[in-house]
Amino acid sequence: FAHVDAGKTTTTERILKLTGKIHK
């Protein structure tokens, strides 16, 4: 959680990429 535009959703995307849940 964070302020608008601090990068929460991008951070979530990276967690999924690193843990192998998404490839692109």
PDBML (XML) file of the C-alpha atoms, coordinates in Angstrom:
<?xml version="1.0" encoding="UTF-8" ?>
<PDBx:datablock datablockName="MODEL"
   xmlns:PDBx="http://pdbml.pdb.org/schema/pdbx-v50.xsd"
   xmlns:xsi="http://www.w3.org/2001/XMLSchema-instance"
   xsi:schemaLocation="http://pdbml.pdb.org/schema/pdbx-v50.xsd pdbx-v50.xsd">
   <PDBx:atom_siteCategory>
      <PDBx:atom_site id="1">
         <PDBx:B_iso_or_equiv>0.00</PDBx:B_iso_or_equiv>
         <PDBx:Cartn_x>0.000</PDBx:Cartn_x>
         <PDBx:Cartn_y>0.000</PDBx:Cartn_y>
         <PDBx:Cartn_z>0.000</PDBx:Cartn_z>
         <PDBx:auth_asym_id>A</PDBx:auth_asym_id>
         <PDBx:auth_atom_id>CA</PDBx:auth_atom_id>
         <PDBx:auth_comp_id>PHE</PDBx:auth_comp_id>
         <PDBx:auth_seq_id>1</PDBx:auth_seq_id>
         <PDBx:group_PDB>ATOM</PDBx:group_PDB>
         <PDBx:label_alt_id xsi:nil="true" />
         <PDBx:label_asym_id>A</PDBx:label_asym_id>
         <PDBx:label_atom_id>CA</PDBx:label_atom_id>
         <PDBx:label_comp_id>PHE</PDBx:label_comp_id>
         <PDBx:label_entity_id>1</PDBx:label_entity_id>
         <PDBx:label_seq_id>1</PDBx:label_seq_id>
         <PDBx:occupancy>1.00</PDBx:occupancy>
         <PDBx:pdbx_PDB_model_num>1</PDBx:pdbx_PDB_model_num>
         <PDBx:type_symbol>C</PDBx:type_symbol>
      </PDBx:atom_site>
      <PDBx:atom_site id="2">
         <PDBx:B_iso_or_equiv>0.00</PDBx:B_iso_or_equiv>
         <PDBx:Cartn_x>1.127</PDBx:Cartn_x>
         <PDBx:Cartn_y>3.547</PDBx:Cartn_y>
         <PDBx:Cartn_z>-0.708</PDBx:Cartn_z>
         <PDBx:auth_asym_id>A</PDBx:auth_asym_id>
         <PDBx:auth_atom_id>CA</PDBx:auth_atom_id>
         <PDBx:auth_comp_id>ALA</PDBx:auth_comp_id>
         <PDBx:auth_seq_id>2</PDBx:auth_seq_id>
         <PDBx:group_PDB>ATOM</PDBx:group_PDB>
         <PDBx:label_alt_id xsi:nil="true" />
         <PDBx:label_asym_id>A</PDBx:label_asym_id>
         <PDBx:label_atom_id>CA</PDBx:label_atom_id>
         <PDBx:label_comp_id>ALA</PDBx:label_comp_id>
         <PDBx:label_entity_id>1</PDBx:label_entity_id>
         <PDBx:label_seq_id>2</PDBx:label_seq_id>
         <PDBx:occupancy>1.00</PDBx:occupancy>
         <PDBx:pdbx_PDB_model_num>1</PDBx:pdbx_PDB_model_num>
         <PDBx:type_symbol>C</PDBx:type_symbol>
      </PDBx:atom_site>
      <PDBx:atom_site id="3">
         <PDBx:B_iso_or_equiv>0.00</PDBx:B_iso_or_equiv>
         <PDBx:Cartn_x>0.293</PDBx:Cartn_x>
         <PDBx:Cartn_y>6.912</PDBx:Cartn_y>
         <PDBx:Cartn_z>-2.225</PDBx:Cartn_z>
         <PDBx:auth_asym_id>A</PDBx:auth_asym_id>
         <PDBx:auth_atom_id>CA</PDBx:auth_atom_id>
         <PDBx:auth_comp_id>HIS</PDBx:auth_comp_id>
         <PDBx:auth_seq_id>3</PDBx:auth_seq_id>
         <PDBx:group_PDB>ATOM</PDBx:group_PDB>
         <PDBx:label_alt_id xsi:nil="true" />
         <PDBx:label_asym_id>A</PDBx:label_asym_id>
         <PDBx:label_atom_id>CA</PDBx:label_atom_id>
         <PDBx:label_comp_id>HIS</PDBx:label_comp_id>
         <PDBx:label_entity_id>1</PDBx:label_entity_id>
         <PDBx:label_seq_id>3</PDBx:label_seq_id>
         <PDBx:occupancy>1.00</PDBx:occupancy>
         <PDBx:pdbx_PDB_model_num>1</PDBx:pdbx_PDB_model_num>
         <PDBx:type_symbol>C</PDBx:type_symbol>
      </PDBx:atom_site>
      <PDBx:atom_site id="4">
         <PDBx:B_iso_or_equiv>0.00</PDBx:B_iso_or_equiv>
         <PDBx:Cartn_x>-0.990</PDBx:Cartn_x>
         <PDBx:Cartn_y>7.220</PDBx:Cartn_y>
         <PDBx:Cartn_z>-5.807</PDBx:Cartn_z>
         <PDBx:auth_asym_id>A</PDBx:auth_asym_id>
         <PDBx:auth_atom_id>CA</PDBx:auth_atom_id>
         <PDBx:auth_comp_id>VAL</PDBx:auth_comp_id>
         <PDBx:auth_seq_id>4</PDBx:auth_seq_id>
         <PDBx:group_PDB>ATOM</PDBx:group_PDB>
         <PDBx:label_alt_id xsi:nil="true" />
         <PDBx:label_asym_id>A</PDBx:label_asym_id>
         <PDBx:label_atom_id>CA</PDBx:label_atom_id>
         <PDBx:label_comp_id>VAL</PDBx:label_comp_id>
         <PDBx:label_entity_id>1</PDBx:label_entity_id>
         <PDBx:label_seq_id>4</PDBx:label_seq_id>
         <PDBx:occupancy>1.00</PDBx:occupancy>
         <PDBx:pdbx_PDB_model_num>1</PDBx:pdbx_PDB_model_num>
         <PDBx:type_symbol>C</PDBx:type_symbol>
      </PDBx:atom_site>
      <PDBx:atom_site id="5">
         <PDBx:B_iso_or_equiv>0.00</PDBx:B_iso_or_equiv>
         <PDBx:Cartn_x>1.911</PDBx:Cartn_x>
         <PDBx:Cartn_y>6.646</PDBx:Cartn_y>
         <PDBx:Cartn_z>-8.252</PDBx:Cartn_z>
         <PDBx:auth_asym_id>A</PDBx:auth_asym_id>
         <PDBx:auth_atom_id>CA</PDBx:auth_atom_id>
         <PDBx:auth_comp_id>ASP</PDBx:auth_comp_id>
         <PDBx:auth_seq_id>5</PDBx:auth_seq_id>
         <PDBx:group_PDB>ATOM</PDBx:group_PDB>
         <PDBx:label_alt_id xsi:nil="true" />
         <PDBx:label_asym_id>A</PDBx:label_asym_id>
         <PDBx:label_atom_id>CA</PDBx:label_atom_id>
         <PDBx:label_comp_id>ASP</PDBx:label_comp_id>
         <PDBx:label_entity_id>1</PDBx:label_entity_id>
         <PDBx:label_seq_id>5</PDBx:label_seq_id>
         <PDBx:occupancy>1.00</PDBx:occupancy>
         <PDBx:pdbx_PDB_model_num>1</PDBx:pdbx_PDB_model_num>
         <PDBx:type_symbol>C</PDBx:type_symbol>
      </PDBx:atom_site>
      <PDBx:atom_site id="6">
         <PDBx:B_iso_or_equiv>0.00</PDBx:B_iso_or_equiv>
         <PDBx:Cartn_x>4.517</PDBx:Cartn_x>
         <PDBx:Cartn_y>5.427</PDBx:Cartn_y>
         <PDBx:Cartn_z>-5.749</PDBx:Cartn_z>
         <PDBx:auth_asym_id>A</PDBx:auth_asym_id>
         <PDBx:auth_atom_id>CA</PDBx:auth_atom_id>
         <PDBx:auth_comp_id>ALA</PDBx:auth_comp_id>
         <PDBx:auth_seq_id>6</PDBx:auth_seq_id>
         <PDBx:group_PDB>ATOM</PDBx:group_PDB>
         <PDBx:label_alt_id xsi:nil="true" />
         <PDBx:label_asym_id>A</PDBx:label_asym_id>
         <PDBx:label_atom_id>CA</PDBx:label_atom_id>
         <PDBx:label_comp_id>ALA</PDBx:label_comp_id>
         <PDBx:label_entity_id>1</PDBx:label_entity_id>
         <PDBx:label_seq_id>6</PDBx:label_seq_id>
         <PDBx:occupancy>1.00</PDBx:occupancy>
         <PDBx:pdbx_PDB_model_num>1</PDBx:pdbx_PDB_model_num>
         <PDBx:type_symbol>C</PDBx:type_symbol>
      </PDBx:atom_site>
      <PDBx:atom_site id="7">
         <PDBx:B_iso_or_equiv>0.00</PDBx:B_iso_or_equiv>
         <PDBx:Cartn_x>4.706</PDBx:Cartn_x>
         <PDBx:Cartn_y>2.183</PDBx:Cartn_y>
         <PDBx:Cartn_z>-7.753</PDBx:Cartn_z>
         <PDBx:auth_asym_id>A</PDBx:auth_asym_id>
         <PDBx:auth_atom_id>CA</PDBx:auth_atom_id>
         <PDBx:auth_comp_id>GLY</PDBx:auth_comp_id>
         <PDBx:auth_seq_id>7</PDBx:auth_seq_id>
         <PDBx:group_PDB>ATOM</PDBx:group_PDB>
         <PDBx:label_alt_id xsi:nil="true" />
         <PDBx:label_asym_id>A</PDBx:label_asym_id>
         <PDBx:label_atom_id>CA</PDBx:label_atom_id>
         <PDBx:label_comp_id>GLY</PDBx:label_comp_id>
         <PDBx:label_entity_id>1</PDBx:label_entity_id>
         <PDBx:label_seq_id>7</PDBx:label_seq_id>
         <PDBx:occupancy>1.00</PDBx:occupancy>
         <PDBx:pdbx_PDB_model_num>1</PDBx:pdbx_PDB_model_num>
         <PDBx:type_symbol>C</PDBx:type_symbol>
      </PDBx:atom_site>
      <PDBx:atom_site id="8">
         <PDBx:B_iso_or_equiv>0.00</PDBx:B_iso_or_equiv>
         <PDBx:Cartn_x>2.643</PDBx:Cartn_x>
         <PDBx:Cartn_y>-0.366</PDBx:Cartn_y>
         <PDBx:Cartn_z>-5.793</PDBx:Cartn_z>
         <PDBx:auth_asym_id>A</PDBx:auth_asym_id>
         <PDBx:auth_atom_id>CA</PDBx:auth_atom_id>
         <PDBx:auth_comp_id>LYS</PDBx:auth_comp_id>
         <PDBx:auth_seq_id>8</PDBx:auth_seq_id>
         <PDBx:group_PDB>ATOM</PDBx:group_PDB>
         <PDBx:label_alt_id xsi:nil="true" />
         <PDBx:label_asym_id>A</PDBx:label_asym_id>
         <PDBx:label_atom_id>CA</PDBx:label_atom_id>
         <PDBx:label_comp_id>LYS</PDBx:label_comp_id>
         <PDBx:label_entity_id>1</PDBx:label_entity_id>
         <PDBx:label_seq_id>8</PDBx:label_seq_id>
         <PDBx:occupancy>1.00</PDBx:occupancy>
         <PDBx:pdbx_PDB_model_num>1</PDBx:pdbx_PDB_model_num>
         <PDBx:type_symbol>C</PDBx:type_symbol>
      </PDBx:atom_site>
      <PDBx:atom_site id="9">
         <PDBx:B_iso_or_equiv>0.00</PDBx:B_iso_or_equiv>
         <PDBx:Cartn_x>1.287</PDBx:Cartn_x>
         <PDBx:Cartn_y>-2.187</PDBx:Cartn_y>
         <PDBx:Cartn_z>-8.828</PDBx:Cartn_z>
         <PDBx:auth_asym_id>A</PDBx:auth_asym_id>
         <PDBx:auth_atom_id>CA</PDBx:auth_atom_id>
         <PDBx:auth_comp_id>THR</PDBx:auth_comp_id>
         <PDBx:auth_seq_id>9</PDBx:auth_seq_id>
         <PDBx:group_PDB>ATOM</PDBx:group_PDB>
         <PDBx:label_alt_id xsi:nil="true" />
         <PDBx:label_asym_id>A</PDBx:label_asym_id>
         <PDBx:label_atom_id>CA</PDBx:label_atom_id>
         <PDBx:label_comp_id>THR</PDBx:label_comp_id>
         <PDBx:label_entity_id>1</PDBx:label_entity_id>
         <PDBx:label_seq_id>9</PDBx:label_seq_id>
         <PDBx:occupancy>1.00</PDBx:occupancy>
         <PDBx:pdbx_PDB_model_num>1</PDBx:pdbx_PDB_model_num>
         <PDBx:type_symbol>C</PDBx:type_symbol>
      </PDBx:atom_site>
      <PDBx:atom_site id="10">
         <PDBx:B_iso_or_equiv>0.00</PDBx:B_iso_or_equiv>
         <PDBx:Cartn_x>4.697</PDBx:Cartn_x>
         <PDBx:Cartn_y>-2.251</PDBx:Cartn_y>
         <PDBx:Cartn_z>-10.545</PDBx:Cartn_z>
         <PDBx:auth_asym_id>A</PDBx:auth_asym_id>
         <PDBx:auth_atom_id>CA</PDBx:auth_atom_id>
         <PDBx:auth_comp_id>THR</PDBx:auth_comp_id>
         <PDBx:auth_seq_id>10</PDBx:auth_seq_id>
         <PDBx:group_PDB>ATOM</PDBx:group_PDB>
         <PDBx:label_alt_id xsi:nil="true" />
         <PDBx:label_asym_id>A</PDBx:label_asym_id>
         <PDBx:label_atom_id>CA</PDBx:label_atom_id>
         <PDBx:label_comp_id>THR</PDBx:label_comp_id>
         <PDBx:label_entity_id>1</PDBx:label_entity_id>
         <PDBx:label_seq_id>10</PDBx:label_seq_id>
         <PDBx:occupancy>1.00</PDBx:occupancy>
         <PDBx:pdbx_PDB_model_num>1</PDBx:pdbx_PDB_model_num>
         <PDBx:type_symbol>C</PDBx:type_symbol>
      </PDBx:atom_site>
      <PDBx:atom_site id="11">
         <PDBx:B_iso_or_equiv>0.00</PDBx:B_iso_or_equiv>
         <PDBx:Cartn_x>6.192</PDBx:Cartn_x>
         <PDBx:Cartn_y>-3.667</PDBx:Cartn_y>
         <PDBx:Cartn_z>-7.328</PDBx:Cartn_z>
         <PDBx:auth_asym_id>A</PDBx:auth_asym_id>
         <PDBx:auth_atom_id>CA</PDBx:auth_atom_id>
         <PDBx:auth_comp_id>THR</PDBx:auth_comp_id>
         <PDBx:auth_seq_id>11</PDBx:auth_seq_id>
         <PDBx:group_PDB>ATOM</PDBx:group_PDB>
         <PDBx:label_alt_id xsi:nil="true" />
         <PDBx:label_asym_id>A</PDBx:label_asym_id>
         <PDBx:label_atom_id>CA</PDBx:label_atom_id>
         <PDBx:label_comp_id>THR</PDBx:label_comp_id>
         <PDBx:label_entity_id>1</PDBx:label_entity_id>
         <PDBx:label_seq_id>11</PDBx:label_seq_id>
         <PDBx:occupancy>1.00</PDBx:occupancy>
         <PDBx:pdbx_PDB_model_num>1</PDBx:pdbx_PDB_model_num>
         <PDBx:type_symbol>C</PDBx:type_symbol>
      </PDBx:atom_site>
      <PDBx:atom_site id="12">
         <PDBx:B_iso_or_equiv>0.00</PDBx:B_iso_or_equiv>
         <PDBx:Cartn_x>3.520</PDBx:Cartn_x>
         <PDBx:Cartn_y>-6.397</PDBx:Cartn_y>
         <PDBx:Cartn_z>-7.319</PDBx:Cartn_z>
         <PDBx:auth_asym_id>A</PDBx:auth_asym_id>
         <PDBx:auth_atom_id>CA</PDBx:auth_atom_id>
         <PDBx:auth_comp_id>THR</PDBx:auth_comp_id>
         <PDBx:auth_seq_id>12</PDBx:auth_seq_id>
         <PDBx:group_PDB>ATOM</PDBx:group_PDB>
         <PDBx:label_alt_id xsi:nil="true" />
         <PDBx:label_asym_id>A</PDBx:label_asym_id>
         <PDBx:label_atom_id>CA</PDBx:label_atom_id>
         <PDBx:label_comp_id>THR</PDBx:label_comp_id>
         <PDBx:label_entity_id>1</PDBx:label_entity_id>
         <PDBx:label_seq_id>12</PDBx:label_seq_id>
         <PDBx:occupancy>1.00</PDBx:occupancy>
         <PDBx:pdbx_PDB_model_num>1</PDBx:pdbx_PDB_model_num>
         <PDBx:type_symbol>C</PDBx:type_symbol>
      </PDBx:atom_site>
      <PDBx:atom_site id="13">
         <PDBx:B_iso_or_equiv>0.00</PDBx:B_iso_or_equiv>
         <PDBx:Cartn_x>4.321</PDBx:Cartn_x>
         <PDBx:Cartn_y>-7.189</PDBx:Cartn_y>
         <PDBx:Cartn_z>-10.977</PDBx:Cartn_z>
         <PDBx:auth_asym_id>A</PDBx:auth_asym_id>
         <PDBx:auth_atom_id>CA</PDBx:auth_atom_id>
         <PDBx:auth_comp_id>GLU</PDBx:auth_comp_id>
         <PDBx:auth_seq_id>13</PDBx:auth_seq_id>
         <PDBx:group_PDB>ATOM</PDBx:group_PDB>
         <PDBx:label_alt_id xsi:nil="true" />
         <PDBx:label_asym_id>A</PDBx:label_asym_id>
         <PDBx:label_atom_id>CA</PDBx:label_atom_id>
         <PDBx:label_comp_id>GLU</PDBx:label_comp_id>
         <PDBx:label_entity_id>1</PDBx:label_entity_id>
         <PDBx:label_seq_id>13</PDBx:label_seq_id>
         <PDBx:occupancy>1.00</PDBx:occupancy>
         <PDBx:pdbx_PDB_model_num>1</PDBx:pdbx_PDB_model_num>
         <PDBx:type_symbol>C</PDBx:type_symbol>
      </PDBx:atom_site>
      <PDBx:atom_site id="14">
         <PDBx:B_iso_or_equiv>0.00</PDBx:B_iso_or_equiv>
         <PDBx:Cartn_x>8.029</PDBx:Cartn_x>
         <PDBx:Cartn_y>-7.589</PDBx:Cartn_y>
         <PDBx:Cartn_z>-10.084</PDBx:Cartn_z>
         <PDBx:auth_asym_id>A</PDBx:auth_asym_id>
         <PDBx:auth_atom_id>CA</PDBx:auth_atom_id>
         <PDBx:auth_comp_id>ARG</PDBx:auth_comp_id>
         <PDBx:auth_seq_id>14</PDBx:auth_seq_id>
         <PDBx:group_PDB>ATOM</PDBx:group_PDB>
         <PDBx:label_alt_id xsi:nil="true" />
         <PDBx:label_asym_id>A</PDBx:label_asym_id>
         <PDBx:label_atom_id>CA</PDBx:label_atom_id>
         <PDBx:label_comp_id>ARG</PDBx:label_comp_id>
         <PDBx:label_entity_id>1</PDBx:label_entity_id>
         <PDBx:label_seq_id>14</PDBx:label_seq_id>
         <PDBx:occupancy>1.00</PDBx:occupancy>
         <PDBx:pdbx_PDB_model_num>1</PDBx:pdbx_PDB_model_num>
         <PDBx:type_symbol>C</PDBx:type_symbol>
      </PDBx:atom_site>
      <PDBx:atom_site id="15">
         <PDBx:B_iso_or_equiv>0.00</PDBx:B_iso_or_equiv>
         <PDBx:Cartn_x>7.216</PDBx:Cartn_x>
         <PDBx:Cartn_y>-9.900</PDBx:Cartn_y>
         <PDBx:Cartn_z>-7.174</PDBx:Cartn_z>
         <PDBx:auth_asym_id>A</PDBx:auth_asym_id>
         <PDBx:auth_atom_id>CA</PDBx:auth_atom_id>
         <PDBx:auth_comp_id>ILE</PDBx:auth_comp_id>
         <PDBx:auth_seq_id>15</PDBx:auth_seq_id>
         <PDBx:group_PDB>ATOM</PDBx:group_PDB>
         <PDBx:label_alt_id xsi:nil="true" />
         <PDBx:label_asym_id>A</PDBx:label_asym_id>
         <PDBx:label_atom_id>CA</PDBx:label_atom_id>
         <PDBx:label_comp_id>ILE</PDBx:label_comp_id>
         <PDBx:label_entity_id>1</PDBx:label_entity_id>
         <PDBx:label_seq_id>15</PDBx:label_seq_id>
         <PDBx:occupancy>1.00</PDBx:occupancy>
         <PDBx:pdbx_PDB_model_num>1</PDBx:pdbx_PDB_model_num>
         <PDBx:type_symbol>C</PDBx:type_symbol>
      </PDBx:atom_site>
      <PDBx:atom_site id="16">
         <PDBx:B_iso_or_equiv>0.00</PDBx:B_iso_or_equiv>
         <PDBx:Cartn_x>5.195</PDBx:Cartn_x>
         <PDBx:Cartn_y>-12.082</PDBx:Cartn_y>
         <PDBx:Cartn_z>-9.563</PDBx:Cartn_z>
         <PDBx:auth_asym_id>A</PDBx:auth_asym_id>
         <PDBx:auth_atom_id>CA</PDBx:auth_atom_id>
         <PDBx:auth_comp_id>LEU</PDBx:auth_comp_id>
         <PDBx:auth_seq_id>16</PDBx:auth_seq_id>
         <PDBx:group_PDB>ATOM</PDBx:group_PDB>
         <PDBx:label_alt_id xsi:nil="true" />
         <PDBx:label_asym_id>A</PDBx:label_asym_id>
         <PDBx:label_atom_id>CA</PDBx:label_atom_id>
         <PDBx:label_comp_id>LEU</PDBx:label_comp_id>
         <PDBx:label_entity_id>1</PDBx:label_entity_id>
         <PDBx:label_seq_id>16</PDBx:label_seq_id>
         <PDBx:occupancy>1.00</PDBx:occupancy>
         <PDBx:pdbx_PDB_model_num>1</PDBx:pdbx_PDB_model_num>
         <PDBx:type_symbol>C</PDBx:type_symbol>
      </PDBx:atom_site>
      <PDBx:atom_site id="17">
         <PDBx:B_iso_or_equiv>0.00</PDBx:B_iso_or_equiv>
         <PDBx:Cartn_x>8.003</PDBx:Cartn_x>
         <PDBx:Cartn_y>-12.043</PDBx:Cartn_y>
         <PDBx:Cartn_z>-12.140</PDBx:Cartn_z>
         <PDBx:auth_asym_id>A</PDBx:auth_asym_id>
         <PDBx:auth_atom_id>CA</PDBx:auth_atom_id>
         <PDBx:auth_comp_id>LYS</PDBx:auth_comp_id>
         <PDBx:auth_seq_id>17</PDBx:auth_seq_id>
         <PDBx:group_PDB>ATOM</PDBx:group_PDB>
         <PDBx:label_alt_id xsi:nil="true" />
         <PDBx:label_asym_id>A</PDBx:label_asym_id>
         <PDBx:label_atom_id>CA</PDBx:label_atom_id>
         <PDBx:label_comp_id>LYS</PDBx:label_comp_id>
         <PDBx:label_entity_id>1</PDBx:label_entity_id>
         <PDBx:label_seq_id>17</PDBx:label_seq_id>
         <PDBx:occupancy>1.00</PDBx:occupancy>
         <PDBx:pdbx_PDB_model_num>1</PDBx:pdbx_PDB_model_num>
         <PDBx:type_symbol>C</PDBx:type_symbol>
      </PDBx:atom_site>
      <PDBx:atom_site id="18">
         <PDBx:B_iso_or_equiv>0.00</PDBx:B_iso_or_equiv>
         <PDBx:Cartn_x>10.657</PDBx:Cartn_x>
         <PDBx:Cartn_y>-12.962</PDBx:Cartn_y>
         <PDBx:Cartn_z>-9.587</PDBx:Cartn_z>
         <PDBx:auth_asym_id>A</PDBx:auth_asym_id>
         <PDBx:auth_atom_id>CA</PDBx:auth_atom_id>
         <PDBx:auth_comp_id>LEU</PDBx:auth_comp_id>
         <PDBx:auth_seq_id>18</PDBx:auth_seq_id>
         <PDBx:group_PDB>ATOM</PDBx:group_PDB>
         <PDBx:label_alt_id xsi:nil="true" />
         <PDBx:label_asym_id>A</PDBx:label_asym_id>
         <PDBx:label_atom_id>CA</PDBx:label_atom_id>
         <PDBx:label_comp_id>LEU</PDBx:label_comp_id>
         <PDBx:label_entity_id>1</PDBx:label_entity_id>
         <PDBx:label_seq_id>18</PDBx:label_seq_id>
         <PDBx:occupancy>1.00</PDBx:occupancy>
         <PDBx:pdbx_PDB_model_num>1</PDBx:pdbx_PDB_model_num>
         <PDBx:type_symbol>C</PDBx:type_symbol>
      </PDBx:atom_site>
      <PDBx:atom_site id="19">
         <PDBx:B_iso_or_equiv>0.00</PDBx:B_iso_or_equiv>
         <PDBx:Cartn_x>8.559</PDBx:Cartn_x>
         <PDBx:Cartn_y>-15.748</PDBx:Cartn_y>
         <PDBx:Cartn_z>-8.090</PDBx:Cartn_z>
         <PDBx:auth_asym_id>A</PDBx:auth_asym_id>
         <PDBx:auth_atom_id>CA</PDBx:auth_atom_id>
         <PDBx:auth_comp_id>THR</PDBx:auth_comp_id>
         <PDBx:auth_seq_id>19</PDBx:auth_seq_id>
         <PDBx:group_PDB>ATOM</PDBx:group_PDB>
         <PDBx:label_alt_id xsi:nil="true" />
         <PDBx:label_asym_id>A</PDBx:label_asym_id>
         <PDBx:label_atom_id>CA</PDBx:label_atom_id>
         <PDBx:label_comp_id>THR</PDBx:label_comp_id>
         <PDBx:label_entity_id>1</PDBx:label_entity_id>
         <PDBx:label_seq_id>19</PDBx:label_seq_id>
         <PDBx:occupancy>1.00</PDBx:occupancy>
         <PDBx:pdbx_PDB_model_num>1</PDBx:pdbx_PDB_model_num>
         <PDBx:type_symbol>C</PDBx:type_symbol>
      </PDBx:atom_site>
      <PDBx:atom_site id="20">
         <PDBx:B_iso_or_equiv>0.00</PDBx:B_iso_or_equiv>
         <PDBx:Cartn_x>7.954</PDBx:Cartn_x>
         <PDBx:Cartn_y>-17.175</PDBx:Cartn_y>
         <PDBx:Cartn_z>-11.560</PDBx:Cartn_z>
         <PDBx:auth_asym_id>A</PDBx:auth_asym_id>
         <PDBx:auth_atom_id>CA</PDBx:auth_atom_id>
         <PDBx:auth_comp_id>GLY</PDBx:auth_comp_id>
         <PDBx:auth_seq_id>20</PDBx:auth_seq_id>
         <PDBx:group_PDB>ATOM</PDBx:group_PDB>
         <PDBx:label_alt_id xsi:nil="true" />
         <PDBx:label_asym_id>A</PDBx:label_asym_id>
         <PDBx:label_atom_id>CA</PDBx:label_atom_id>
         <PDBx:label_comp_id>GLY</PDBx:label_comp_id>
         <PDBx:label_entity_id>1</PDBx:label_entity_id>
         <PDBx:label_seq_id>20</PDBx:label_seq_id>
         <PDBx:occupancy>1.00</PDBx:occupancy>
         <PDBx:pdbx_PDB_model_num>1</PDBx:pdbx_PDB_model_num>
         <PDBx:type_symbol>C</PDBx:type_symbol>
      </PDBx:atom_site>
      <PDBx:atom_site id="21">
         <PDBx:B_iso_or_equiv>0.00</PDBx:B_iso_or_equiv>
         <PDBx:Cartn_x>4.199</PDBx:Cartn_x>
         <PDBx:Cartn_y>-16.494</PDBx:Cartn_y>
         <PDBx:Cartn_z>-11.664</PDBx:Cartn_z>
         <PDBx:auth_asym_id>A</PDBx:auth_asym_id>
         <PDBx:auth_atom_id>CA</PDBx:auth_atom_id>
         <PDBx:auth_comp_id>LYS</PDBx:auth_comp_id>
         <PDBx:auth_seq_id>21</PDBx:auth_seq_id>
         <PDBx:group_PDB>ATOM</PDBx:group_PDB>
         <PDBx:label_alt_id xsi:nil="true" />
         <PDBx:label_asym_id>A</PDBx:label_asym_id>
         <PDBx:label_atom_id>CA</PDBx:label_atom_id>
         <PDBx:label_comp_id>LYS</PDBx:label_comp_id>
         <PDBx:label_entity_id>1</PDBx:label_entity_id>
         <PDBx:label_seq_id>21</PDBx:label_seq_id>
         <PDBx:occupancy>1.00</PDBx:occupancy>
         <PDBx:pdbx_PDB_model_num>1</PDBx:pdbx_PDB_model_num>
         <PDBx:type_symbol>C</PDBx:type_symbol>
      </PDBx:atom_site>
      <PDBx:atom_site id="22">
         <PDBx:B_iso_or_equiv>0.00</PDBx:B_iso_or_equiv>
         <PDBx:Cartn_x>4.290</PDBx:Cartn_x>
         <PDBx:Cartn_y>-14.418</PDBx:Cartn_y>
         <PDBx:Cartn_z>-14.845</PDBx:Cartn_z>
         <PDBx:auth_asym_id>A</PDBx:auth_asym_id>
         <PDBx:auth_atom_id>CA</PDBx:auth_atom_id>
         <PDBx:auth_comp_id>ILE</PDBx:auth_comp_id>
         <PDBx:auth_seq_id>22</PDBx:auth_seq_id>
         <PDBx:group_PDB>ATOM</PDBx:group_PDB>
         <PDBx:label_alt_id xsi:nil="true" />
         <PDBx:label_asym_id>A</PDBx:label_asym_id>
         <PDBx:label_atom_id>CA</PDBx:label_atom_id>
         <PDBx:label_comp_id>ILE</PDBx:label_comp_id>
         <PDBx:label_entity_id>1</PDBx:label_entity_id>
         <PDBx:label_seq_id>22</PDBx:label_seq_id>
         <PDBx:occupancy>1.00</PDBx:occupancy>
         <PDBx:pdbx_PDB_model_num>1</PDBx:pdbx_PDB_model_num>
         <PDBx:type_symbol>C</PDBx:type_symbol>
      </PDBx:atom_site>
      <PDBx:atom_site id="23">
         <PDBx:B_iso_or_equiv>0.00</PDBx:B_iso_or_equiv>
         <PDBx:Cartn_x>6.791</PDBx:Cartn_x>
         <PDBx:Cartn_y>-14.564</PDBx:Cartn_y>
         <PDBx:Cartn_z>-17.682</PDBx:Cartn_z>
         <PDBx:auth_asym_id>A</PDBx:auth_asym_id>
         <PDBx:auth_atom_id>CA</PDBx:auth_atom_id>
         <PDBx:auth_comp_id>HIS</PDBx:auth_comp_id>
         <PDBx:auth_seq_id>23</PDBx:auth_seq_id>
         <PDBx:group_PDB>ATOM</PDBx:group_PDB>
         <PDBx:label_alt_id xsi:nil="true" />
         <PDBx:label_asym_id>A</PDBx:label_asym_id>
         <PDBx:label_atom_id>CA</PDBx:label_atom_id>
         <PDBx:label_comp_id>HIS</PDBx:label_comp_id>
         <PDBx:label_entity_id>1</PDBx:label_entity_id>
         <PDBx:label_seq_id>23</PDBx:label_seq_id>
         <PDBx:occupancy>1.00</PDBx:occupancy>
         <PDBx:pdbx_PDB_model_num>1</PDBx:pdbx_PDB_model_num>
         <PDBx:type_symbol>C</PDBx:type_symbol>
      </PDBx:atom_site>
      <PDBx:atom_site id="24">
         <PDBx:B_iso_or_equiv>0.00</PDBx:B_iso_or_equiv>
         <PDBx:Cartn_x>6.064</PDBx:Cartn_x>
         <PDBx:Cartn_y>-11.320</PDBx:Cartn_y>
         <PDBx:Cartn_z>-19.498</PDBx:Cartn_z>
         <PDBx:auth_asym_id>A</PDBx:auth_asym_id>
         <PDBx:auth_atom_id>CA</PDBx:auth_atom_id>
         <PDBx:auth_comp_id>LYS</PDBx:auth_comp_id>
         <PDBx:auth_seq_id>24</PDBx:auth_seq_id>
         <PDBx:group_PDB>ATOM</PDBx:group_PDB>
         <PDBx:label_alt_id xsi:nil="true" />
         <PDBx:label_asym_id>A</PDBx:label_asym_id>
         <PDBx:label_atom_id>CA</PDBx:label_atom_id>
         <PDBx:label_comp_id>LYS</PDBx:label_comp_id>
         <PDBx:label_entity_id>1</PDBx:label_entity_id>
         <PDBx:label_seq_id>24</PDBx:label_seq_id>
         <PDBx:occupancy>1.00</PDBx:occupancy>
         <PDBx:pdbx_PDB_model_num>1</PDBx:pdbx_PDB_model_num>
         <PDBx:type_symbol>C</PDBx:type_symbol>
      </PDBx:atom_site>
   </PDBx:atom_siteCategory>
</PDBx:datablock>
